[in-house]
């Protein structure tokens, strides 16, 4: 960021918690203009994780569902915060899949 003339950047998967959000905004003095949230049903996320073939021993349905519950508990306050500030934009994975498959 320091060597670029641009004042815009993309951060993927962060902040994940309220603590992350507060620390990031305090450290940078910035708040995002836009927050993208890729909305995906739990069943689809479980299916994708179980089919990713990364060989993780803990990639089983119970562990994946526990990970998703932790994700929800930690991330929803951040998502709600940006939603209340009018910065959250949800993107349905079903619409994205459709758009991607329609590209030449």
N, C-alpha and C. Protein backbone atom coordinates (compact mmCIF):
# COMPACT_ATOMS: atom_id res chain seq x y z
N UNK A 1 0.83 -1.18 0.00
CA UNK A 1 0.00 0.00 0.00
C UNK A 1 0.88 1.25 0.00
N UNK A 2 1.99 1.21 0.72
CA UNK A 2 2.83 2.40 0.81
C UNK A 2 3.45 2.77 -0.53
N UNK A 3 3.74 1.77 -1.37
CA UNK A 3 4.42 2.06 -2.64
C UNK A 3 3.46 2.34 -3.78
N UNK A 4 2.19 2.30 -3.53
CA UNK A 4 1.19 2.49 -4.57
C UNK A 4 0.62 3.91 -4.53
N UNK A 5 0.25 4.39 -5.72
CA UNK A 5 -0.42 5.68 -5.80
C UNK A 5 -1.92 5.56 -5.53
N UNK A 6 -2.41 4.33 -5.52
CA UNK A 6 -3.84 4.09 -5.30
C UNK A 6 -4.15 4.14 -3.80
N UNK A 7 -5.32 4.64 -3.49
CA UNK A 7 -5.76 4.63 -2.10
C UNK A 7 -6.88 3.60 -1.89
N UNK A 8 -7.01 2.68 -2.84
CA UNK A 8 -8.03 1.64 -2.75
C UNK A 8 -7.37 0.28 -2.70
N UNK A 9 -7.95 -0.61 -1.93
CA UNK A 9 -7.42 -1.96 -1.84
C UNK A 9 -8.54 -2.91 -1.41
N UNK A 10 -8.31 -4.19 -1.63
CA UNK A 10 -9.27 -5.23 -1.30
C UNK A 10 -8.68 -6.10 -0.20
N UNK A 11 -9.46 -6.35 0.82
CA UNK A 11 -9.06 -7.24 1.90
C UNK A 11 -10.03 -8.41 1.89
N UNK A 12 -9.51 -9.60 1.76
CA UNK A 12 -10.34 -10.80 1.65
C UNK A 12 -10.38 -11.55 2.99
N UNK A 13 -11.58 -11.74 3.51
CA UNK A 13 -11.75 -12.54 4.72
C UNK A 13 -11.35 -11.86 6.02
N UNK A 14 -11.34 -10.56 6.02
CA UNK A 14 -10.95 -9.82 7.22
C UNK A 14 -11.74 -8.54 7.28
N UNK A 15 -12.18 -8.09 8.39
CA UNK A 15 -12.02 -8.65 9.73
C UNK A 15 -13.00 -9.79 9.98
N UNK A 16 -12.58 -10.73 10.76
CA UNK A 16 -13.43 -11.87 11.07
C UNK A 16 -14.18 -11.73 12.39
N UNK A 17 -13.69 -10.85 13.23
CA UNK A 17 -14.32 -10.65 14.54
C UNK A 17 -14.45 -9.15 14.81
N UNK A 18 -15.26 -8.83 15.79
CA UNK A 18 -15.39 -7.42 16.21
C UNK A 18 -14.05 -6.89 16.69
N UNK A 19 -13.30 -7.72 17.39
CA UNK A 19 -11.98 -7.31 17.88
C UNK A 19 -11.07 -6.95 16.69
N UNK A 20 -11.08 -7.79 15.64
CA UNK A 20 -10.31 -7.49 14.41
C UNK A 20 -10.76 -6.18 13.79
N UNK A 21 -12.07 -5.99 13.70
CA UNK A 21 -12.62 -4.80 13.05
C UNK A 21 -12.19 -3.54 13.78
N UNK A 22 -12.36 -3.55 15.08
CA UNK A 22 -12.02 -2.38 15.88
C UNK A 22 -10.53 -2.07 15.78
N UNK A 23 -9.69 -3.10 15.91
CA UNK A 23 -8.24 -2.90 15.84
C UNK A 23 -7.81 -2.39 14.47
N UNK A 24 -8.38 -2.96 13.41
CA UNK A 24 -8.02 -2.54 12.05
C UNK A 24 -8.39 -1.07 11.82
N UNK A 25 -9.60 -0.71 12.18
CA UNK A 25 -10.06 0.66 11.96
C UNK A 25 -9.28 1.65 12.82
N UNK A 26 -8.91 1.24 14.02
CA UNK A 26 -8.12 2.12 14.89
C UNK A 26 -6.71 2.28 14.32
N UNK A 27 -6.10 1.17 13.88
CA UNK A 27 -4.73 1.20 13.38
C UNK A 27 -4.62 2.00 12.08
N UNK A 28 -5.57 1.77 11.16
CA UNK A 28 -5.49 2.41 9.84
C UNK A 28 -6.17 3.77 9.81
N UNK A 29 -7.10 4.00 10.73
CA UNK A 29 -7.89 5.23 10.68
C UNK A 29 -8.89 5.20 9.55
N UNK A 30 -9.14 4.00 9.02
CA UNK A 30 -10.03 3.84 7.87
C UNK A 30 -11.19 2.92 8.21
N UNK A 31 -12.26 3.13 7.50
CA UNK A 31 -13.40 2.23 7.53
C UNK A 31 -13.72 1.90 6.09
N UNK A 32 -14.06 0.65 5.78
CA UNK A 32 -14.31 0.30 4.37
C UNK A 32 -15.49 1.07 3.79
N UNK A 33 -15.41 1.33 2.49
CA UNK A 33 -16.53 1.95 1.78
C UNK A 33 -17.60 0.91 1.46
N UNK A 34 -17.14 -0.31 1.16
CA UNK A 34 -18.03 -1.40 0.76
C UNK A 34 -17.55 -2.69 1.42
N UNK A 35 -18.50 -3.49 1.90
CA UNK A 35 -18.21 -4.80 2.44
C UNK A 35 -19.05 -5.80 1.66
N UNK A 36 -18.39 -6.77 1.03
CA UNK A 36 -19.09 -7.80 0.27
C UNK A 36 -19.26 -9.04 1.14
N UNK A 37 -20.46 -9.58 1.12
CA UNK A 37 -20.75 -10.81 1.86
C UNK A 37 -21.32 -11.81 0.87
N UNK A 38 -20.59 -12.89 0.66
CA UNK A 38 -21.05 -13.92 -0.26
C UNK A 38 -21.96 -14.87 0.51
N UNK A 39 -23.23 -14.76 0.22
CA UNK A 39 -24.27 -15.50 0.92
C UNK A 39 -24.41 -16.89 0.33
N UNK A 40 -24.15 -17.89 1.17
CA UNK A 40 -24.19 -19.28 0.71
C UNK A 40 -24.89 -20.12 1.78
N UNK A 41 -25.88 -20.91 1.39
CA UNK A 41 -26.57 -21.76 2.37
C UNK A 41 -25.60 -22.76 3.02
N UNK A 42 -25.86 -23.06 4.28
CA UNK A 42 -24.99 -23.97 5.02
C UNK A 42 -24.83 -25.31 4.32
N UNK A 43 -25.91 -25.85 3.77
CA UNK A 43 -25.83 -27.16 3.11
C UNK A 43 -24.82 -27.13 1.95
N UNK A 44 -24.83 -26.03 1.22
CA UNK A 44 -23.91 -25.89 0.09
C UNK A 44 -22.46 -25.75 0.57
N UNK A 45 -22.25 -24.99 1.64
CA UNK A 45 -20.90 -24.86 2.18
C UNK A 45 -20.37 -26.20 2.67
N UNK A 46 -21.20 -26.95 3.37
CA UNK A 46 -20.80 -28.28 3.85
C UNK A 46 -20.44 -29.17 2.66
N UNK A 47 -21.29 -29.16 1.64
CA UNK A 47 -21.04 -29.98 0.45
C UNK A 47 -19.71 -29.60 -0.20
N UNK A 48 -19.43 -28.32 -0.34
CA UNK A 48 -18.20 -27.88 -0.99
C UNK A 48 -16.96 -28.24 -0.17
N UNK A 49 -17.05 -28.08 1.15
CA UNK A 49 -15.89 -28.43 1.99
C UNK A 49 -15.63 -29.93 1.93
N UNK A 50 -16.69 -30.72 2.01
CA UNK A 50 -16.50 -32.17 2.01
C UNK A 50 -16.00 -32.69 0.65
N UNK A 51 -16.23 -31.92 -0.41
CA UNK A 51 -15.79 -32.35 -1.74
C UNK A 51 -14.50 -31.69 -2.21
N UNK A 52 -13.83 -30.93 -1.36
CA UNK A 52 -12.64 -30.20 -1.81
C UNK A 52 -11.38 -31.06 -1.89
N UNK A 53 -11.41 -32.24 -1.30
CA UNK A 53 -10.30 -33.20 -1.42
C UNK A 53 -8.96 -32.62 -1.00
N UNK A 54 -8.93 -31.92 0.10
CA UNK A 54 -7.66 -31.40 0.61
C UNK A 54 -7.01 -32.39 1.56
N UNK A 55 -7.70 -33.47 1.87
CA UNK A 55 -7.11 -34.51 2.70
C UNK A 55 -7.05 -34.18 4.18
N UNK A 56 -7.82 -33.20 4.62
CA UNK A 56 -7.81 -32.87 6.05
C UNK A 56 -8.55 -33.96 6.81
N UNK A 57 -7.94 -34.44 7.86
CA UNK A 57 -8.53 -35.49 8.67
C UNK A 57 -9.85 -35.05 9.27
N UNK A 58 -9.95 -33.75 9.60
CA UNK A 58 -11.16 -33.27 10.26
C UNK A 58 -12.23 -32.78 9.29
N UNK A 59 -12.08 -33.07 8.00
CA UNK A 59 -13.14 -32.71 7.04
C UNK A 59 -14.23 -33.77 7.06
N UNK A 60 -15.02 -33.72 8.11
CA UNK A 60 -16.20 -34.58 8.19
C UNK A 60 -17.38 -33.68 8.53
N UNK A 61 -18.56 -34.19 8.36
CA UNK A 61 -19.75 -33.34 8.46
C UNK A 61 -19.89 -32.67 9.83
N UNK A 62 -19.59 -33.38 10.90
CA UNK A 62 -19.74 -32.81 12.24
C UNK A 62 -18.75 -31.66 12.47
N UNK A 63 -17.51 -31.88 12.09
CA UNK A 63 -16.49 -30.85 12.28
C UNK A 63 -16.75 -29.64 11.40
N UNK A 64 -17.16 -29.86 10.17
CA UNK A 64 -17.47 -28.76 9.27
C UNK A 64 -18.61 -27.92 9.83
N UNK A 65 -19.64 -28.57 10.32
CA UNK A 65 -20.78 -27.84 10.89
C UNK A 65 -20.36 -27.05 12.14
N UNK A 66 -19.45 -27.60 12.94
CA UNK A 66 -18.94 -26.87 14.11
C UNK A 66 -18.15 -25.64 13.65
N UNK A 67 -17.30 -25.81 12.61
CA UNK A 67 -16.54 -24.67 12.09
C UNK A 67 -17.46 -23.57 11.58
N UNK A 68 -18.53 -23.97 10.90
CA UNK A 68 -19.48 -22.98 10.39
C UNK A 68 -20.21 -22.26 11.52
N UNK A 69 -20.50 -22.96 12.60
CA UNK A 69 -21.16 -22.34 13.76
C UNK A 69 -20.22 -21.31 14.39
N UNK A 70 -18.94 -21.65 14.52
CA UNK A 70 -17.95 -20.71 15.06
C UNK A 70 -17.84 -19.50 14.14
N UNK A 71 -17.79 -19.75 12.83
CA UNK A 71 -17.75 -18.67 11.85
C UNK A 71 -18.93 -17.72 12.06
N UNK A 72 -20.10 -18.29 12.19
CA UNK A 72 -21.32 -17.50 12.38
C UNK A 72 -21.26 -16.66 13.66
N UNK A 73 -20.86 -17.28 14.75
CA UNK A 73 -20.80 -16.58 16.04
C UNK A 73 -19.81 -15.42 15.98
N UNK A 74 -18.66 -15.64 15.36
CA UNK A 74 -17.62 -14.61 15.32
C UNK A 74 -17.86 -13.56 14.25
N UNK A 75 -18.41 -13.96 13.10
CA UNK A 75 -18.53 -13.05 11.97
C UNK A 75 -19.82 -12.26 11.91
N UNK A 76 -20.91 -12.80 12.41
CA UNK A 76 -22.19 -12.09 12.29
C UNK A 76 -22.19 -10.71 12.95
N UNK A 77 -21.53 -10.53 14.09
CA UNK A 77 -21.50 -9.17 14.64
C UNK A 77 -20.81 -8.17 13.70
N UNK A 78 -19.78 -8.60 12.99
CA UNK A 78 -19.09 -7.73 12.03
C UNK A 78 -20.01 -7.44 10.85
N UNK A 79 -20.68 -8.46 10.36
CA UNK A 79 -21.60 -8.31 9.24
C UNK A 79 -22.75 -7.38 9.63
N UNK A 80 -23.29 -7.58 10.82
CA UNK A 80 -24.38 -6.71 11.30
C UNK A 80 -23.91 -5.26 11.44
N UNK A 81 -22.71 -5.06 11.94
CA UNK A 81 -22.17 -3.72 12.12
C UNK A 81 -22.14 -2.97 10.79
N UNK A 82 -21.56 -3.62 9.77
CA UNK A 82 -21.47 -2.94 8.47
C UNK A 82 -22.82 -2.83 7.78
N UNK A 83 -23.70 -3.76 8.03
CA UNK A 83 -25.06 -3.67 7.48
C UNK A 83 -25.78 -2.44 8.03
N UNK A 84 -25.70 -2.23 9.33
CA UNK A 84 -26.34 -1.08 9.96
C UNK A 84 -25.77 0.24 9.46
N UNK A 85 -24.53 0.22 8.99
CA UNK A 85 -23.88 1.43 8.48
C UNK A 85 -24.10 1.60 6.98
N UNK A 86 -24.89 0.69 6.37
CA UNK A 86 -25.21 0.78 4.95
C UNK A 86 -24.06 0.41 4.03
N UNK A 87 -23.09 -0.34 4.53
CA UNK A 87 -21.91 -0.68 3.74
C UNK A 87 -21.92 -2.12 3.24
N UNK A 88 -22.82 -2.94 3.76
CA UNK A 88 -22.84 -4.35 3.42
C UNK A 88 -23.62 -4.59 2.13
N UNK A 89 -23.01 -5.36 1.24
CA UNK A 89 -23.65 -5.77 -0.01
C UNK A 89 -23.57 -7.29 -0.08
N UNK A 90 -24.73 -7.93 -0.09
CA UNK A 90 -24.76 -9.39 -0.15
C UNK A 90 -24.80 -9.85 -1.59
N UNK A 91 -24.04 -10.89 -1.86
CA UNK A 91 -24.03 -11.51 -3.19
C UNK A 91 -24.40 -12.97 -3.02
N UNK A 92 -25.45 -13.39 -3.68
CA UNK A 92 -25.89 -14.77 -3.62
C UNK A 92 -24.96 -15.64 -4.46
N UNK A 93 -24.49 -16.73 -3.88
CA UNK A 93 -23.60 -17.61 -4.66
C UNK A 93 -24.35 -18.24 -5.83
N UNK A 94 -25.66 -18.39 -5.72
CA UNK A 94 -26.43 -18.97 -6.82
C UNK A 94 -26.42 -18.02 -8.02
N UNK A 95 -26.60 -16.72 -7.77
CA UNK A 95 -26.55 -15.75 -8.87
C UNK A 95 -25.15 -15.66 -9.46
N UNK A 96 -24.13 -15.72 -8.59
CA UNK A 96 -22.74 -15.67 -9.08
C UNK A 96 -22.44 -16.90 -9.93
N UNK A 97 -22.88 -18.08 -9.48
CA UNK A 97 -22.65 -19.30 -10.27
C UNK A 97 -23.31 -19.17 -11.63
N UNK A 98 -24.52 -18.64 -11.67
CA UNK A 98 -25.24 -18.46 -12.93
C UNK A 98 -24.46 -17.51 -13.84
N UNK A 99 -24.04 -16.37 -13.31
CA UNK A 99 -23.31 -15.40 -14.12
C UNK A 99 -22.01 -15.97 -14.67
N UNK A 100 -21.29 -16.72 -13.84
CA UNK A 100 -20.02 -17.30 -14.27
C UNK A 100 -20.24 -18.33 -15.36
N UNK A 101 -21.27 -19.15 -15.24
CA UNK A 101 -21.51 -20.17 -16.25
C UNK A 101 -22.01 -19.58 -17.57
N UNK A 102 -22.51 -18.34 -17.55
CA UNK A 102 -23.00 -17.70 -18.76
C UNK A 102 -21.89 -16.94 -19.50
N UNK A 103 -20.73 -16.79 -18.89
CA UNK A 103 -19.63 -16.07 -19.55
C UNK A 103 -19.02 -16.95 -20.66
N UNK A 104 -18.66 -16.30 -21.77
CA UNK A 104 -18.05 -17.09 -22.88
C UNK A 104 -16.68 -17.61 -22.51
